[in-house]
Amino acid sequence: MTPKSGIFLLGSCIAAIAAVGCIFELSSGQPELGQSLTTGILLGSLPLTGLLFWAAVQDTRANMK
């Protein structure tokens, strides 16, 4: 793993934690940041999680050759 892929993986983990937190906040009925902002964070963090994870895997594969 390179430092670049490690940063991508770290970002993916943080975005995944944010998504899970938003899901719990929204399921509680009264999100602390409000319904629309929490939904926006959730909708932004879900694709970001996948994108950053994909980037980390691609970078690692590229550096294995």
PDB file of N, CA and C in Angstrom:
ATOM      1  N   MET A   1       0.846  -1.175   0.000  1.00  0.00           N
ATOM      2  CA  MET A   1       0.000   0.000   0.000  1.00  0.00           C
ATOM      3  C   MET A   1       0.890   1.236   0.000  1.00  0.00           C
ATOM      4  N   THR A   2       0.530   2.175  -0.828  1.00  0.00           N
ATOM      5  CA  THR A   2       1.258   3.437  -0.886  1.00  0.00           C
ATOM      6  C   THR A   2       0.570   4.463   0.014  1.00  0.00           C
ATOM      7  N   PRO A   3       1.256   5.541   0.337  1.00  0.00           N
ATOM      8  CA  PRO A   3       0.598   6.587   1.131  1.00  0.00           C
ATOM      9  C   PRO A   3      -0.648   7.146   0.440  1.00  0.00           C
ATOM     10  N   LYS A   4      -0.596   7.240  -0.879  1.00  0.00           N
ATOM     11  CA  LYS A   4      -1.745   7.747  -1.628  1.00  0.00           C
ATOM     12  C   LYS A   4      -2.954   6.825  -1.466  1.00  0.00           C
ATOM     13  N   SER A   5      -2.758   5.518  -1.610  1.00  0.00           N
ATOM     14  CA  SER A   5      -3.877   4.590  -1.449  1.00  0.00           C
ATOM     15  C   SER A   5      -4.341   4.536   0.003  1.00  0.00           C
ATOM     16  N   GLY A   6      -3.432   4.746   0.937  1.00  0.00           N
ATOM     17  CA  GLY A   6      -3.818   4.807   2.347  1.00  0.00           C
ATOM     18  C   GLY A   6      -4.704   6.000   2.645  1.00  0.00           C
ATOM     19  N   ILE A   7      -4.413   7.124   2.014  1.00  0.00           N
ATOM     20  CA  ILE A   7      -5.249   8.316   2.203  1.00  0.00           C
ATOM     21  C   ILE A   7      -6.629   8.092   1.576  1.00  0.00           C
ATOM     22  N   PHE A   8      -6.664   7.456   0.401  1.00  0.00           N
ATOM     23  CA  PHE A   8      -7.948   7.130  -0.213  1.00  0.00           C
ATOM     24  C   PHE A   8      -8.765   6.205   0.691  1.00  0.00           C
ATOM     25  N   LEU A   9      -8.108   5.207   1.265  1.00  0.00           N
ATOM     26  CA  LEU A   9      -8.796   4.268   2.141  1.00  0.00           C
ATOM     27  C   LEU A   9      -9.278   4.950   3.416  1.00  0.00           C
ATOM     28  N   LEU A  10      -8.476   5.842   3.961  1.00  0.00           N
ATOM     29  CA  LEU A  10      -8.890   6.601   5.145  1.00  0.00           C
ATOM     30  C   LEU A  10     -10.116   7.449   4.835  1.00  0.00           C
ATOM     31  N   GLY A  11     -10.107   8.123   3.698  1.00  0.00           N
ATOM     32  CA  GLY A  11     -11.263   8.926   3.298  1.00  0.00           C
ATOM     33  C   GLY A  11     -12.501   8.073   3.109  1.00  0.00           C
ATOM     34  N   SER A  12     -12.324   6.877   2.551  1.00  0.00           N
ATOM     35  CA  SER A  12     -13.445   5.963   2.372  1.00  0.00           C
ATOM     36  C   SER A  12     -14.034   5.539   3.712  1.00  0.00           C
ATOM     37  N   CYS A  13     -13.185   5.266   4.672  1.00  0.00           N
ATOM     38  CA  CYS A  13     -13.652   4.873   6.005  1.00  0.00           C
ATOM     39  C   CYS A  13     -14.402   6.013   6.688  1.00  0.00           C
ATOM     40  N   ILE A  14     -13.886   7.216   6.577  1.00  0.00           N
ATOM     41  CA  ILE A  14     -14.543   8.369   7.191  1.00  0.00           C
ATOM     42  C   ILE A  14     -15.901   8.621   6.543  1.00  0.00           C
ATOM     43  N   ALA A  15     -15.959   8.515   5.224  1.00  0.00           N
ATOM     44  CA  ALA A  15     -17.236   8.715   4.529  1.00  0.00           C
ATOM     45  C   ALA A  15     -18.235   7.619   4.902  1.00  0.00           C
ATOM     46  N   ALA A  16     -17.776   6.389   5.064  1.00  0.00           N
ATOM     47  CA  ALA A  16     -18.663   5.298   5.463  1.00  0.00           C
ATOM     48  C   ALA A  16     -19.194   5.514   6.877  1.00  0.00           C
ATOM     49  N   ILE A  17     -18.352   5.986   7.774  1.00  0.00           N
ATOM     50  CA  ILE A  17     -18.786   6.274   9.143  1.00  0.00           C
ATOM     51  C   ILE A  17     -19.823   7.390   9.138  1.00  0.00           C
ATOM     52  N   ALA A  18     -19.609   8.401   8.295  1.00  0.00           N
ATOM     53  CA  ALA A  18     -20.577   9.498   8.188  1.00  0.00           C
ATOM     54  C   ALA A  18     -21.910   8.982   7.663  1.00  0.00           C
ATOM     55  N   ALA A  19     -21.878   8.082   6.689  1.00  0.00           N
ATOM     56  CA  ALA A  19     -23.118   7.528   6.138  1.00  0.00           C
ATOM     57  C   ALA A  19     -23.887   6.738   7.193  1.00  0.00           C
ATOM     58  N   VAL A  20     -23.189   5.914   7.942  1.00  0.00           N
ATOM     59  CA  VAL A  20     -23.847   5.130   8.991  1.00  0.00           C
ATOM     60  C   VAL A  20     -24.422   6.045  10.067  1.00  0.00           C
ATOM     61  N   GLY A  21     -23.677   7.062  10.433  1.00  0.00           N
ATOM     62  CA  GLY A  21     -24.176   8.018  11.420  1.00  0.00           C
ATOM     63  C   GLY A  21     -25.422   8.731  10.939  1.00  0.00           C
ATOM     64  N   CYS A  22     -25.450   9.095   9.661  1.00  0.00           N
ATOM     65  CA  CYS A  22     -26.626   9.759   9.093  1.00  0.00           C
ATOM     66  C   CYS A  22     -27.832   8.824   9.090  1.00  0.00           C
ATOM     67  N   ILE A  23     -27.598   7.564   8.779  1.00  0.00           N
ATOM     68  CA  ILE A  23     -28.701   6.597   8.788  1.00  0.00           C
ATOM     69  C   ILE A  23     -29.287   6.489  10.193  1.00  0.00           C
ATOM     70  N   PHE A  24     -28.438   6.423  11.205  1.00  0.00           N
ATOM     71  CA  PHE A  24     -28.939   6.356  12.578  1.00  0.00           C
ATOM     72  C   PHE A  24     -29.657   7.642  12.970  1.00  0.00           C
ATOM     73  N   GLU A  25     -29.115   8.771  12.579  1.00  0.00           N
ATOM     74  CA  GLU A  25     -29.762  10.055  12.893  1.00  0.00           C
ATOM     75  C   GLU A  25     -31.136  10.149  12.236  1.00  0.00           C
ATOM     76  N   LEU A  26     -31.212   9.763  10.970  1.00  0.00           N
ATOM     77  CA  LEU A  26     -32.488   9.840  10.266  1.00  0.00           C
ATOM     78  C   LEU A  26     -33.507   8.845  10.817  1.00  0.00           C
ATOM     79  N   SER A  27     -33.041   7.694  11.265  1.00  0.00           N
ATOM     80  CA  SER A  27     -33.969   6.696  11.807  1.00  0.00           C
ATOM     81  C   SER A  27     -34.466   7.071  13.199  1.00  0.00           C
ATOM     82  N   SER A  28     -33.761   7.971  13.865  1.00  0.00           N
ATOM     83  CA  SER A  28     -34.211   8.384  15.206  1.00  0.00           C
ATOM     84  C   SER A  28     -35.419   9.307  15.144  1.00  0.00           C
ATOM     85  N   GLY A  29     -35.656   9.924  13.990  1.00  0.00           N
ATOM     86  CA  GLY A  29     -36.810  10.786  13.843  1.00  0.00           C
ATOM     87  C   GLY A  29     -36.500  12.264  13.957  1.00  0.00           C
ATOM     88  N   GLN A  30     -35.517  12.646  14.753  1.00  0.00           N
ATOM     89  CA  GLN A  30     -35.144  14.045  14.949  1.00  0.00           C
ATOM     90  C   GLN A  30     -33.631  14.217  14.801  1.00  0.00           C
ATOM     91  N   PRO A  31     -33.133  14.329  13.573  1.00  0.00           N
ATOM     92  CA  PRO A  31     -31.691  14.522  13.396  1.00  0.00           C
ATOM     93  C   PRO A  31     -31.239  15.862  13.982  1.00  0.00           C
ATOM     94  N   GLU A  32     -30.095  15.868  14.609  1.00  0.00           N
ATOM     95  CA  GLU A  32     -29.585  17.085  15.251  1.00  0.00           C
ATOM     96  C   GLU A  32     -29.288  18.190  14.252  1.00  0.00           C
ATOM     97  N   LEU A  33     -28.850  17.836  13.048  1.00  0.00           N
ATOM     98  CA  LEU A  33     -28.514  18.839  12.044  1.00  0.00           C
ATOM     99  C   LEU A  33     -29.685  19.175  11.133  1.00  0.00           C
ATOM    100  N   GLY A  34     -30.821  18.553  11.358  1.00  0.00           N
ATOM    101  CA  GLY A  34     -31.978  18.768  10.509  1.00  0.00           C
ATOM    102  C   GLY A  34     -32.101  17.679   9.461  1.00  0.00           C
ATOM    103  N   GLN A  35     -33.315  17.508   8.997  1.00  0.00           N
ATOM    104  CA  GLN A  35     -33.614  16.444   8.040  1.00  0.00           C
ATOM    105  C   GLN A  35     -32.886  16.643   6.712  1.00  0.00           C
ATOM    106  N   SER A  36     -32.946  17.844   6.166  1.00  0.00           N
ATOM    107  CA  SER A  36     -32.384  18.059   4.828  1.00  0.00           C
ATOM    108  C   SER A  36     -30.852  18.000   4.824  1.00  0.00           C
ATOM    109  N   LEU A  37     -30.210  18.585   5.816  1.00  0.00           N
ATOM    110  CA  LEU A  37     -28.743  18.554   5.855  1.00  0.00           C
ATOM    111  C   LEU A  37     -28.232  17.134   6.084  1.00  0.00           C
ATOM    112  N   THR A  38     -28.869  16.398   6.977  1.00  0.00           N
ATOM    113  CA  THR A  38     -28.455  15.022   7.247  1.00  0.00           C
ATOM    114  C   THR A  38     -28.658  14.148   6.012  1.00  0.00           C
ATOM    115  N   THR A  39     -29.764  14.352   5.313  1.00  0.00           N
ATOM    116  CA  THR A  39     -30.008  13.604   4.076  1.00  0.00           C
ATOM    117  C   THR A  39     -28.967  13.964   3.022  1.00  0.00           C
ATOM    118  N   GLY A  40     -28.610  15.234   2.938  1.00  0.00           N
ATOM    119  CA  GLY A  40     -27.587  15.659   1.990  1.00  0.00           C
ATOM    120  C   GLY A  40     -26.239  15.036   2.286  1.00  0.00           C
ATOM    121  N   ILE A  41     -25.871  14.984   3.555  1.00  0.00           N
ATOM    122  CA  ILE A  41     -24.607  14.350   3.937  1.00  0.00           C
ATOM    123  C   ILE A  41     -24.633  12.871   3.580  1.00  0.00           C
ATOM    124  N   LEU A  42     -25.762  12.222   3.831  1.00  0.00           N
ATOM    125  CA  LEU A  42     -25.895  10.802   3.495  1.00  0.00           C
ATOM    126  C   LEU A  42     -25.766  10.584   1.993  1.00  0.00           C
ATOM    127  N   LEU A  43     -26.466  11.387   1.212  1.00  0.00           N
ATOM    128  CA  LEU A  43     -26.424  11.224  -0.247  1.00  0.00           C
ATOM    129  C   LEU A  43     -25.052  11.556  -0.832  1.00  0.00           C
ATOM    130  N   GLY A  44     -24.305  12.407  -0.160  1.00  0.00           N
ATOM    131  CA  GLY A  44     -22.952  12.708  -0.622  1.00  0.00           C
ATOM    132  C   GLY A  44     -21.927  11.674  -0.193  1.00  0.00           C
ATOM    133  N   SER A  45     -22.101  11.134   1.012  1.00  0.00           N
ATOM    134  CA  SER A  45     -21.093  10.220   1.541  1.00  0.00           C
ATOM    135  C   SER A  45     -21.194   8.805   0.971  1.00  0.00           C
ATOM    136  N   LEU A  46     -22.383   8.399   0.544  1.00  0.00           N
ATOM    137  CA  LEU A  46     -22.504   7.041  -0.015  1.00  0.00           C
ATOM    138  C   LEU A  46     -21.680   6.858  -1.290  1.00  0.00           C
ATOM    139  N   PRO A  47     -21.842   7.706  -2.310  1.00  0.00           N
ATOM    140  CA  PRO A  47     -21.005   7.506  -3.501  1.00  0.00           C
ATOM    141  C   PRO A  47     -19.526   7.814  -3.243  1.00  0.00           C
ATOM    142  N   LEU A  48     -19.269   8.742  -2.328  1.00  0.00           N
ATOM    143  CA  LEU A  48     -17.883   9.076  -2.000  1.00  0.00           C
ATOM    144  C   LEU A  48     -17.166   7.882  -1.382  1.00  0.00           C
ATOM    145  N   THR A  49     -17.872   7.119  -0.567  1.00  0.00           N
ATOM    146  CA  THR A  49     -17.287   5.915   0.035  1.00  0.00           C
ATOM    147  C   THR A  49     -16.834   4.940  -1.042  1.00  0.00           C
ATOM    148  N   GLY A  50     -17.730   4.657  -1.967  1.00  0.00           N
ATOM    149  CA  GLY A  50     -17.396   3.722  -3.047  1.00  0.00           C
ATOM    150  C   GLY A  50     -16.300   4.243  -3.951  1.00  0.00           C
ATOM    151  N   LEU A  51     -16.372   5.522  -4.287  1.00  0.00           N
ATOM    152  CA  LEU A  51     -15.374   6.118  -5.180  1.00  0.00           C
ATOM    153  C   LEU A  51     -13.981   6.093  -4.555  1.00  0.00           C
ATOM    154  N   LEU A  52     -13.876   6.471  -3.303  1.00  0.00           N
ATOM    155  CA  LEU A  52     -12.568   6.482  -2.645  1.00  0.00           C
ATOM    156  C   LEU A  52     -12.025   5.072  -2.444  1.00  0.00           C
ATOM    157  N   PHE A  53     -12.906   4.113  -2.149  1.00  0.00           N
ATOM    158  CA  PHE A  53     -12.458   2.731  -2.007  1.00  0.00           C
ATOM    159  C   PHE A  53     -11.948   2.199  -3.341  1.00  0.00           C
ATOM    160  N   TRP A  54     -12.694   2.496  -4.417  1.00  0.00           N
ATOM    161  CA  TRP A  54     -12.273   2.077  -5.753  1.00  0.00           C
ATOM    162  C   TRP A  54     -10.921   2.694  -6.110  1.00  0.00           C
ATOM    163  N   ALA A  55     -10.739   3.975  -5.791  1.00  0.00           N
ATOM    164  CA  ALA A  55      -9.477   4.656  -6.075  1.00  0.00           C
ATOM    165  C   ALA A  55      -8.326   4.021  -5.294  1.00  0.00           C
ATOM    166  N   ALA A  56      -8.580   3.637  -4.054  1.00  0.00           N
ATOM    167  CA  ALA A  56      -7.534   2.991  -3.249  1.00  0.00           C
ATOM    168  C   ALA A  56      -7.140   1.647  -3.841  1.00  0.00           C
ATOM    169  N   VAL A  57      -8.119   0.879  -4.268  1.00  0.00           N
ATOM    170  CA  VAL A  57      -7.832  -0.434  -4.870  1.00  0.00           C
ATOM    171  C   VAL A  57      -7.074  -0.258  -6.178  1.00  0.00           C
ATOM    172  N   GLN A  58      -7.504   0.684  -7.006  1.00  0.00           N
ATOM    173  CA  GLN A  58      -6.839   0.912  -8.287  1.00  0.00           C
ATOM    174  C   GLN A  58      -5.393   1.376  -8.092  1.00  0.00           C
ATOM    175  N   ASP A  59      -5.166   2.259  -7.134  1.00  0.00           N
ATOM    176  CA  ASP A  59      -3.815   2.736  -6.874  1.00  0.00           C
ATOM    177  C   ASP A  59      -2.921   1.611  -6.365  1.00  0.00           C
ATOM    178  N   THR A  60      -3.468   0.771  -5.501  1.00  0.00           N
ATOM    179  CA  THR A  60      -2.687  -0.354  -4.981  1.00  0.00           C
ATOM    180  C   THR A  60      -2.354  -1.333  -6.086  1.00  0.00           C
ATOM    181  N   ARG A  61      -3.332  -1.648  -6.939  1.00  0.00           N
ATOM    182  CA  ARG A  61      -3.072  -2.554  -8.055  1.00  0.00           C
ATOM    183  C   ARG A  61      -2.045  -1.992  -9.015  1.00  0.00           C
ATOM    184  N   ALA A  62      -2.106  -0.695  -9.271  1.00  0.00           N
ATOM    185  CA  ALA A  62      -1.163  -0.072 -10.193  1.00  0.00           C
ATOM    186  C   ALA A  62       0.264  -0.125  -9.651  1.00  0.00           C
ATOM    187  N   ASN A  63       0.423  -0.079  -8.358  1.00  0.00           N
ATOM    188  CA  ASN A  63       1.755  -0.087  -7.761  1.00  0.00           C
ATOM    189  C   ASN A  63       2.262  -1.480  -7.461  1.00  0.00           C
ATOM    190  N   MET A  64       1.449  -2.504  -7.698  1.00  0.00           N
ATOM    191  CA  MET A  64       1.904  -3.883  -7.481  1.00  0.00           C
ATOM    192  C   MET A  64       2.672  -4.412  -8.689  1.00  0.00           C
ATOM    193  N   LYS A  65       2.522  -3.763  -9.824  1.00  0.00           N
ATOM    194  CA  LYS A  65       3.165  -4.258 -11.047  1.00  0.00           C
ATOM    195  C   LYS A  65       4.626  -3.905 -11.102  1.00  0.00           C
TER     196      LYS A  65
END
